PDB file of N, CA and C in Angstrom:
ATOM      1  N   MET A   1      11.783  34.699   4.910  1.00  0.00           N
ATOM      2  CA  MET A   1      10.806  33.677   4.548  1.00  0.00           C
ATOM      3  C   MET A   1      10.940  33.352   3.064  1.00  0.00           C
ATOM      4  N   VAL A   2      11.014  32.082   2.762  1.00  0.00           N
ATOM      5  CA  VAL A   2      11.160  31.629   1.389  1.00  0.00           C
ATOM      6  C   VAL A   2       9.778  31.400   0.788  1.00  0.00           C
ATOM      7  N   TYR A   3       9.563  31.934  -0.416  1.00  0.00           N
ATOM      8  CA  TYR A   3       8.277  31.778  -1.086  1.00  0.00           C
ATOM      9  C   TYR A   3       8.332  30.601  -2.049  1.00  0.00           C
ATOM     10  N   MET A   4       7.241  29.852  -2.077  1.00  0.00           N
ATOM     11  CA  MET A   4       7.081  28.773  -3.038  1.00  0.00           C
ATOM     12  C   MET A   4       5.648  28.820  -3.540  1.00  0.00           C
ATOM     13  N   SER A   5       5.472  28.767  -4.829  1.00  0.00           N
ATOM     14  CA  SER A   5       4.121  28.813  -5.389  1.00  0.00           C
ATOM     15  C   SER A   5       3.414  27.474  -5.188  1.00  0.00           C
ATOM     16  N   ASP A   6       2.094  27.533  -5.145  1.00  0.00           N
ATOM     17  CA  ASP A   6       1.296  26.307  -5.046  1.00  0.00           C
ATOM     18  C   ASP A   6       1.586  25.380  -6.228  1.00  0.00           C
ATOM     19  N   LYS A   7       1.755  25.988  -7.396  1.00  0.00           N
ATOM     20  CA  LYS A   7       1.997  25.215  -8.612  1.00  0.00           C
ATOM     21  C   LYS A   7       3.312  24.429  -8.513  1.00  0.00           C
ATOM     22  N   LYS A   8       4.355  25.087  -7.996  1.00  0.00           N
ATOM     23  CA  LYS A   8       5.644  24.405  -7.846  1.00  0.00           C
ATOM     24  C   LYS A   8       5.546  23.296  -6.799  1.00  0.00           C
ATOM     25  N   ALA A   9       4.867  23.558  -5.686  1.00  0.00           N
ATOM     26  CA  ALA A   9       4.707  22.548  -4.638  1.00  0.00           C
ATOM     27  C   ALA A   9       3.934  21.345  -5.174  1.00  0.00           C
ATOM     28  N   LEU A  10       2.879  21.587  -5.925  1.00  0.00           N
ATOM     29  CA  LEU A  10       2.092  20.490  -6.496  1.00  0.00           C
ATOM     30  C   LEU A  10       2.929  19.652  -7.452  1.00  0.00           C
ATOM     31  N   LYS A  11       3.775  20.304  -8.206  1.00  0.00           N
ATOM     32  CA  LYS A  11       4.651  19.588  -9.131  1.00  0.00           C
ATOM     33  C   LYS A  11       5.600  18.664  -8.355  1.00  0.00           C
ATOM     34  N   ILE A  12       6.127  19.145  -7.233  1.00  0.00           N
ATOM     35  CA  ILE A  12       7.000  18.327  -6.383  1.00  0.00           C
ATOM     36  C   ILE A  12       6.216  17.172  -5.770  1.00  0.00           C
ATOM     37  N   PHE A  13       5.006  17.444  -5.260  1.00  0.00           N
ATOM     38  CA  PHE A  13       4.157  16.391  -4.694  1.00  0.00           C
ATOM     39  C   PHE A  13       3.932  15.285  -5.720  1.00  0.00           C
ATOM     40  N   GLU A  14       3.560  15.685  -6.926  1.00  0.00           N
ATOM     41  CA  GLU A  14       3.229  14.705  -7.955  1.00  0.00           C
ATOM     42  C   GLU A  14       4.451  13.918  -8.412  1.00  0.00           C
ATOM     43  N   ALA A  15       5.607  14.562  -8.469  1.00  0.00           N
ATOM     44  CA  ALA A  15       6.843  13.850  -8.828  1.00  0.00           C
ATOM     45  C   ALA A  15       7.176  12.805  -7.769  1.00  0.00           C
ATOM     46  N   CYS A  16       6.997  13.167  -6.513  1.00  0.00           N
ATOM     47  CA  CYS A  16       7.250  12.226  -5.422  1.00  0.00           C
ATOM     48  C   CYS A  16       6.275  11.051  -5.480  1.00  0.00           C
ATOM     49  N   MET A  17       5.006  11.348  -5.667  1.00  0.00           N
ATOM     50  CA  MET A  17       4.012  10.277  -5.740  1.00  0.00           C
ATOM     51  C   MET A  17       4.310   9.348  -6.913  1.00  0.00           C
ATOM     52  N   ASN A  18       4.736   9.911  -8.027  1.00  0.00           N
ATOM     53  CA  ASN A  18       5.081   9.098  -9.186  1.00  0.00           C
ATOM     54  C   ASN A  18       6.227   8.146  -8.843  1.00  0.00           C
ATOM     55  N   GLU A  19       7.262   8.676  -8.200  1.00  0.00           N
ATOM     56  CA  GLU A  19       8.398   7.837  -7.837  1.00  0.00           C
ATOM     57  C   GLU A  19       8.003   6.767  -6.816  1.00  0.00           C
ATOM     58  N   LEU A  20       7.164   7.140  -5.845  1.00  0.00           N
ATOM     59  CA  LEU A  20       6.710   6.167  -4.847  1.00  0.00           C
ATOM     60  C   LEU A  20       5.942   5.018  -5.496  1.00  0.00           C
ATOM     61  N   TYR A  21       5.021   5.351  -6.383  1.00  0.00           N
ATOM     62  CA  TYR A  21       4.224   4.296  -7.022  1.00  0.00           C
ATOM     63  C   TYR A  21       5.036   3.476  -8.021  1.00  0.00           C
ATOM     64  N   LEU A  22       6.016   4.088  -8.675  1.00  0.00           N
ATOM     65  CA  LEU A  22       6.873   3.317  -9.573  1.00  0.00           C
ATOM     66  C   LEU A  22       7.761   2.352  -8.789  1.00  0.00           C
ATOM     67  N   ALA A  23       8.082   2.698  -7.536  1.00  0.00           N
ATOM     68  CA  ALA A  23       8.900   1.824  -6.682  1.00  0.00           C
ATOM     69  C   ALA A  23       8.058   0.783  -5.941  1.00  0.00           C
ATOM     70  N   SER A  24       6.743   0.878  -6.048  1.00  0.00           N
ATOM     71  CA  SER A  24       5.863  -0.048  -5.332  1.00  0.00           C
ATOM     72  C   SER A  24       5.611  -1.313  -6.161  1.00  0.00           C
ATOM     73  N   ILE A  25       5.000  -2.274  -5.514  1.00  0.00           N
ATOM     74  CA  ILE A  25       4.614  -3.522  -6.177  1.00  0.00           C
ATOM     75  C   ILE A  25       3.112  -3.668  -6.047  1.00  0.00           C
ATOM     76  N   PRO A  26       2.361  -3.790  -7.116  1.00  0.00           N
ATOM     77  CA  PRO A  26       2.796  -3.674  -8.499  1.00  0.00           C
ATOM     78  C   PRO A  26       3.129  -2.229  -8.852  1.00  0.00           C
ATOM     79  N   SER A  27       4.087  -2.077  -9.724  1.00  0.00           N
ATOM     80  CA  SER A  27       4.553  -0.759 -10.149  1.00  0.00           C
ATOM     81  C   SER A  27       3.517  -0.111 -11.075  1.00  0.00           C
ATOM     82  N   ILE A  28       3.317   1.174 -10.861  1.00  0.00           N
ATOM     83  CA  ILE A  28       2.357   1.942 -11.656  1.00  0.00           C
ATOM     84  C   ILE A  28       2.743   3.411 -11.548  1.00  0.00           C
ATOM     85  N   SER A  29       2.494   4.190 -12.559  1.00  0.00           N
ATOM     86  CA  SER A  29       2.806   5.622 -12.472  1.00  0.00           C
ATOM     87  C   SER A  29       1.677   6.334 -11.734  1.00  0.00           C
ATOM     88  N   TRP A  30       1.984   7.506 -11.193  1.00  0.00           N
ATOM     89  CA  TRP A  30       0.971   8.300 -10.501  1.00  0.00           C
ATOM     90  C   TRP A  30      -0.127   8.724 -11.476  1.00  0.00           C
ATOM     91  N   ALA A  31       0.240   9.009 -12.713  1.00  0.00           N
ATOM     92  CA  ALA A  31      -0.761   9.369 -13.725  1.00  0.00           C
ATOM     93  C   ALA A  31      -1.721   8.202 -13.964  1.00  0.00           C
ATOM     94  N   GLU A  32      -1.191   6.981 -14.000  1.00  0.00           N
ATOM     95  CA  GLU A  32      -2.041   5.797 -14.182  1.00  0.00           C
ATOM     96  C   GLU A  32      -2.950   5.580 -12.974  1.00  0.00           C
ATOM     97  N   VAL A  33      -2.429   5.832 -11.768  1.00  0.00           N
ATOM     98  CA  VAL A  33      -3.261   5.720 -10.561  1.00  0.00           C
ATOM     99  C   VAL A  33      -4.435   6.679 -10.662  1.00  0.00           C
ATOM    100  N   ARG A  34      -4.156   7.916 -11.014  1.00  0.00           N
ATOM    101  CA  ARG A  34      -5.221   8.927 -11.096  1.00  0.00           C
ATOM    102  C   ARG A  34      -6.213   8.598 -12.205  1.00  0.00           C
ATOM    103  N   GLU A  35      -5.704   8.080 -13.312  1.00  0.00           N
ATOM    104  CA  GLU A  35      -6.581   7.710 -14.422  1.00  0.00           C
ATOM    105  C   GLU A  35      -7.468   6.517 -14.043  1.00  0.00           C
ATOM    106  N   LYS A  36      -6.862   5.539 -13.392  1.00  0.00           N
ATOM    107  CA  LYS A  36      -7.576   4.300 -13.056  1.00  0.00           C
ATOM    108  C   LYS A  36      -8.582   4.501 -11.917  1.00  0.00           C
ATOM    109  N   TYR A  37      -8.184   5.257 -10.889  1.00  0.00           N
ATOM    110  CA  TYR A  37      -9.019   5.384  -9.696  1.00  0.00           C
ATOM    111  C   TYR A  37      -9.656   6.758  -9.520  1.00  0.00           C
ATOM    112  N   GLY A  38      -9.204   7.748 -10.278  1.00  0.00           N
ATOM    113  CA  GLY A  38      -9.746   9.092 -10.131  1.00  0.00           C
ATOM    114  C   GLY A  38      -9.493   9.637  -8.738  1.00  0.00           C
ATOM    115  N   ASP A  39     -10.436  10.385  -8.218  1.00  0.00           N
ATOM    116  CA  ASP A  39     -10.308  10.956  -6.878  1.00  0.00           C
ATOM    117  C   ASP A  39     -11.124  10.178  -5.854  1.00  0.00           C
ATOM    118  N   ASP A  40     -11.470   8.957  -6.186  1.00  0.00           N
ATOM    119  CA  ASP A  40     -12.289   8.134  -5.298  1.00  0.00           C
ATOM    120  C   ASP A  40     -11.435   7.464  -4.231  1.00  0.00           C
ATOM    121  N   GLU A  41     -11.343   8.092  -3.056  1.00  0.00           N
ATOM    122  CA  GLU A  41     -10.552   7.535  -1.963  1.00  0.00           C
ATOM    123  C   GLU A  41     -11.139   6.221  -1.462  1.00  0.00           C
ATOM    124  N   ARG A  42     -12.427   6.010  -1.693  1.00  0.00           N
ATOM    125  CA  ARG A  42     -13.074   4.771  -1.229  1.00  0.00           C
ATOM    126  C   ARG A  42     -12.528   3.539  -1.940  1.00  0.00           C
ATOM    127  N   SER A  43     -11.889   3.733  -3.076  1.00  0.00           N
ATOM    128  CA  SER A  43     -11.331   2.595  -3.808  1.00  0.00           C
ATOM    129  C   SER A  43     -10.136   1.993  -3.067  1.00  0.00           C
ATOM    130  N   GLU A  44      -9.589   2.748  -2.117  1.00  0.00           N
ATOM    131  CA  GLU A  44      -8.432   2.313  -1.330  1.00  0.00           C
ATOM    132  C   GLU A  44      -7.303   1.825  -2.235  1.00  0.00           C
ATOM    133  N   PHE A  45      -7.057   2.558  -3.319  1.00  0.00           N
ATOM    134  CA  PHE A  45      -6.016   2.187  -4.273  1.00  0.00           C
ATOM    135  C   PHE A  45      -4.646   2.080  -3.618  1.00  0.00           C
ATOM    136  N   TYR A  46      -4.399   2.875  -2.592  1.00  0.00           N
ATOM    137  CA  TYR A  46      -3.111   2.867  -1.896  1.00  0.00           C
ATOM    138  C   TYR A  46      -2.848   1.531  -1.198  1.00  0.00           C
ATOM    139  N   MET A  47      -3.906   0.769  -0.909  1.00  0.00           N
ATOM    140  CA  MET A  47      -3.743  -0.546  -0.275  1.00  0.00           C
ATOM    141  C   MET A  47      -3.346  -1.618  -1.302  1.00  0.00           C
ATOM    142  N   LYS A  48      -3.503  -1.323  -2.568  1.00  0.00           N
ATOM    143  CA  LYS A  48      -3.217  -2.288  -3.622  1.00  0.00           C
ATOM    144  C   LYS A  48      -1.765  -2.227  -4.091  1.00  0.00           C
ATOM    145  N   HIS A  49      -1.009  -1.270  -3.559  1.00  0.00           N
ATOM    146  CA  HIS A  49       0.383  -1.074  -3.950  1.00  0.00           C
ATOM    147  C   HIS A  49       1.224  -0.980  -2.686  1.00  0.00           C
ATOM    148  N   VAL A  50       2.300  -1.749  -2.650  1.00  0.00           N
ATOM    149  CA  VAL A  50       3.134  -1.846  -1.448  1.00  0.00           C
ATOM    150  C   VAL A  50       4.556  -1.403  -1.786  1.00  0.00           C
ATOM    151  N   ILE A  51       5.147  -0.636  -0.870  1.00  0.00           N
ATOM    152  CA  ILE A  51       6.516  -0.168  -1.039  1.00  0.00           C
ATOM    153  C   ILE A  51       7.295  -0.498   0.230  1.00  0.00           C
ATOM    154  N   LYS A  52       8.564  -0.841   0.083  1.00  0.00           N
ATOM    155  CA  LYS A  52       9.406  -1.108   1.251  1.00  0.00           C
ATOM    156  C   LYS A  52       9.619   0.195   2.021  1.00  0.00           C
ATOM    157  N   SER A  53       9.586   0.107   3.317  1.00  0.00           N
ATOM    158  CA  SER A  53       9.721   1.295   4.178  1.00  0.00           C
ATOM    159  C   SER A  53      10.997   2.070   3.898  1.00  0.00           C
ATOM    160  N   VAL A  54      12.085   1.357   3.675  1.00  0.00           N
ATOM    161  CA  VAL A  54      13.361   2.033   3.422  1.00  0.00           C
ATOM    162  C   VAL A  54      13.309   2.841   2.121  1.00  0.00           C
ATOM    163  N   ASP A  55      12.671   2.296   1.100  1.00  0.00           N
ATOM    164  CA  ASP A  55      12.517   3.024  -0.172  1.00  0.00           C
ATOM    165  C   ASP A  55      11.603   4.232   0.006  1.00  0.00           C
ATOM    166  N   TYR A  56      10.519   4.031   0.732  1.00  0.00           N
ATOM    167  CA  TYR A  56       9.579   5.120   1.008  1.00  0.00           C
ATOM    168  C   TYR A  56      10.302   6.269   1.715  1.00  0.00           C
ATOM    169  N   ASP A  57      11.026   5.947   2.775  1.00  0.00           N
ATOM    170  CA  ASP A  57      11.733   6.984   3.546  1.00  0.00           C
ATOM    171  C   ASP A  57      12.749   7.729   2.699  1.00  0.00           C
ATOM    172  N   MET A  58      13.484   7.014   1.876  1.00  0.00           N
ATOM    173  CA  MET A  58      14.505   7.632   1.032  1.00  0.00           C
ATOM    174  C   MET A  58      13.871   8.597   0.016  1.00  0.00           C
ATOM    175  N   ILE A  59      12.810   8.156  -0.626  1.00  0.00           N
ATOM    176  CA  ILE A  59      12.148   8.981  -1.642  1.00  0.00           C
ATOM    177  C   ILE A  59      11.510  10.218  -1.011  1.00  0.00           C
ATOM    178  N   VAL A  60      10.752  10.014   0.051  1.00  0.00           N
ATOM    179  CA  VAL A  60      10.055  11.137   0.704  1.00  0.00           C
ATOM    180  C   VAL A  60      11.058  12.144   1.261  1.00  0.00           C
ATOM    181  N   SER A  61      12.126  11.662   1.840  1.00  0.00           N
ATOM    182  CA  SER A  61      13.154  12.553   2.394  1.00  0.00           C
ATOM    183  C   SER A  61      13.747  13.451   1.316  1.00  0.00           C
ATOM    184  N   ARG A  62      14.022  12.884   0.180  1.00  0.00           N
ATOM    185  CA  ARG A  62      14.601  13.660  -0.927  1.00  0.00           C
ATOM    186  C   ARG A  62      13.665  14.777  -1.384  1.00  0.00           C
ATOM    187  N   TYR A  63      12.379  14.487  -1.487  1.00  0.00           N
ATOM    188  CA  TYR A  63      11.422  15.502  -1.937  1.00  0.00           C
ATOM    189  C   TYR A  63      11.092  16.512  -0.839  1.00  0.00           C
ATOM    190  N   ASN A  64      11.095  16.075   0.409  1.00  0.00           N
ATOM    191  CA  ASN A  64      10.842  16.998   1.519  1.00  0.00           C
ATOM    192  C   ASN A  64      11.858  18.138   1.545  1.00  0.00           C
ATOM    193  N   LYS A  65      13.093  17.845   1.163  1.00  0.00           N
ATOM    194  CA  LYS A  65      14.156  18.856   1.145  1.00  0.00           C
ATOM    195  C   LYS A  65      13.879  19.971   0.140  1.00  0.00           C
ATOM    196  N   LEU A  66      13.029  19.694  -0.826  1.00  0.00           N
ATOM    197  CA  LEU A  66      12.716  20.678  -1.863  1.00  0.00           C
ATOM    198  C   LEU A  66      11.579  21.625  -1.461  1.00  0.00           C
ATOM    199  N   LEU A  67      10.903  21.314  -0.361  1.00  0.00           N
ATOM    200  CA  LEU A  67       9.717  22.047   0.048  1.00  0.00           C
ATOM    201  C   LEU A  67       9.985  23.009   1.204  1.00  0.00           C
ATOM    202  N   THR A  68       9.189  24.054   1.284  1.00  0.00           N
ATOM    203  CA  THR A  68       9.229  24.935   2.445  1.00  0.00           C
ATOM    204  C   THR A  68       8.527  24.230   3.601  1.00  0.00           C
ATOM    205  N   SER A  69       8.705  24.728   4.810  1.00  0.00           N
ATOM    206  CA  SER A  69       8.107  24.062   5.982  1.00  0.00           C
ATOM    207  C   SER A  69       6.587  23.991   5.872  1.00  0.00           C
ATOM    208  N   TYR A  70       5.957  25.037   5.339  1.00  0.00           N
ATOM    209  CA  TYR A  70       4.500  25.029   5.169  1.00  0.00           C
ATOM    210  C   TYR A  70       4.075  23.852   4.295  1.00  0.00           C
ATOM    211  N   TYR A  71       4.739  23.675   3.165  1.00  0.00           N
ATOM    212  CA  TYR A  71       4.361  22.603   2.247  1.00  0.00           C
ATOM    213  C   TYR A  71       4.779  21.226   2.759  1.00  0.00           C
ATOM    214  N   ARG A  72       5.811  21.157   3.586  1.00  0.00           N
ATOM    215  CA  ARG A  72       6.172  19.866   4.188  1.00  0.00           C
ATOM    216  C   ARG A  72       5.026  19.349   5.046  1.00  0.00           C
ATOM    217  N   ARG A  73       4.388  20.237   5.800  1.00  0.00           N
ATOM    218  CA  ARG A  73       3.241  19.827   6.631  1.00  0.00           C
ATOM    219  C   ARG A  73       2.077  19.379   5.742  1.00  0.00           C
ATOM    220  N   GLN A  74       1.818  20.126   4.679  1.00  0.00           N
ATOM    221  CA  GLN A  74       0.760  19.753   3.744  1.00  0.00           C
ATOM    222  C   GLN A  74       1.065  18.402   3.097  1.00  0.00           C
ATOM    223  N   PHE A  75       2.334  18.216   2.757  1.00  0.00           N
ATOM    224  CA  PHE A  75       2.763  16.990   2.099  1.00  0.00           C
ATOM    225  C   PHE A  75       2.576  15.780   3.001  1.00  0.00           C
ATOM    226  N   ALA A  76       2.816  15.956   4.292  1.00  0.00           N
ATOM    227  CA  ALA A  76       2.626  14.847   5.245  1.00  0.00           C
ATOM    228  C   ALA A  76       1.186  14.341   5.194  1.00  0.00           C
ATOM    229  N   TRP A  77       0.238  15.264   5.129  1.00  0.00           N
ATOM    230  CA  TRP A  77      -1.185  14.863   5.032  1.00  0.00           C
ATOM    231  C   TRP A  77      -1.479  14.212   3.692  1.00  0.00           C
ATOM    232  N   TYR A  78      -0.900  14.747   2.650  1.00  0.00           N
ATOM    233  CA  TYR A  78      -1.081  14.207   1.302  1.00  0.00           C
ATOM    234  C   TYR A  78      -0.589  12.765   1.251  1.00  0.00           C
ATOM    235  N   LEU A  79       0.577  12.514   1.853  1.00  0.00           N
ATOM    236  CA  LEU A  79       1.134  11.166   1.877  1.00  0.00           C
ATOM    237  C   LEU A  79       0.256  10.208   2.666  1.00  0.00           C
ATOM    238  N   LEU A  80      -0.277  10.674   3.793  1.00  0.00           N
ATOM    239  CA  LEU A  80      -1.158   9.816   4.591  1.00  0.00           C
ATOM    240  C   LEU A  80      -2.385   9.381   3.794  1.00  0.00           C
ATOM    241  N   ASP A  81      -2.885  10.270   2.974  1.00  0.00           N
ATOM    242  CA  ASP A  81      -4.086   9.969   2.193  1.00  0.00           C
ATOM    243  C   ASP A  81      -3.833   9.178   0.912  1.00  0.00           C
ATOM    244  N   TYR A  82      -2.685   9.367   0.279  1.00  0.00           N
ATOM    245  CA  TYR A  82      -2.519   8.845  -1.075  1.00  0.00           C
ATOM    246  C   TYR A  82      -1.301   7.964  -1.348  1.00  0.00           C
ATOM    247  N   ALA A  83      -0.340   7.900  -0.459  1.00  0.00           N
ATOM    248  CA  ALA A  83       0.875   7.114  -0.728  1.00  0.00           C
ATOM    249  C   ALA A  83       0.601   5.624  -0.661  1.00  0.00           C
ATOM    250  N   PRO A  84       1.425   4.828  -1.352  1.00  0.00           N
ATOM    251  CA  PRO A  84       1.262   3.379  -1.264  1.00  0.00           C
ATOM    252  C   PRO A  84       1.540   2.890   0.160  1.00  0.00           C
ATOM    253  N   THR A  85       1.064   1.709   0.462  1.00  0.00           N
ATOM    254  CA  THR A  85       1.233   1.109   1.783  1.00  0.00           C
ATOM    255  C   THR A  85       2.686   0.683   1.983  1.00  0.00           C
ATOM    256  N   CYS A  86       3.215   0.950   3.174  1.00  0.00           N
ATOM    257  CA  CYS A  86       4.598   0.573   3.508  1.00  0.00           C
ATOM    258  C   CYS A  86       4.656  -0.801   4.162  1.00  0.00           C
ATOM    259  N   GLU A  87       5.750  -1.497   3.895  1.00  0.00           N
ATOM    260  CA  GLU A  87       6.034  -2.752   4.584  1.00  0.00           C
ATOM    261  C   GLU A  87       7.500  -2.770   4.968  1.00  0.00           C
ATOM    262  N   ASP A  88       7.824  -3.528   5.983  1.00  0.00           N
ATOM    263  CA  ASP A  88       9.232  -3.625   6.413  1.00  0.00           C
ATOM    264  C   ASP A  88      10.018  -4.545   5.539  1.00  0.00           C
TER     265      ASP A  88
END
């Protein structure tokens, strides 16, 4: 069994989210998203930023490879809640 710390997993999550939002339209960093919207999910900030499905898949796939299976499952939920909206 491979061990991964919560801190390392969070760093990977945040790097992925940063790349996803920088690739979205309008482009914004993950730090700016958190600063602008905080933890208020009701703001639906993820609906205000759109990313092409192919870019989303490529970015998420690359970061998923860095995670253990436990964190991949956690990451899937994280993406559902916070990733930008996909379009074809």
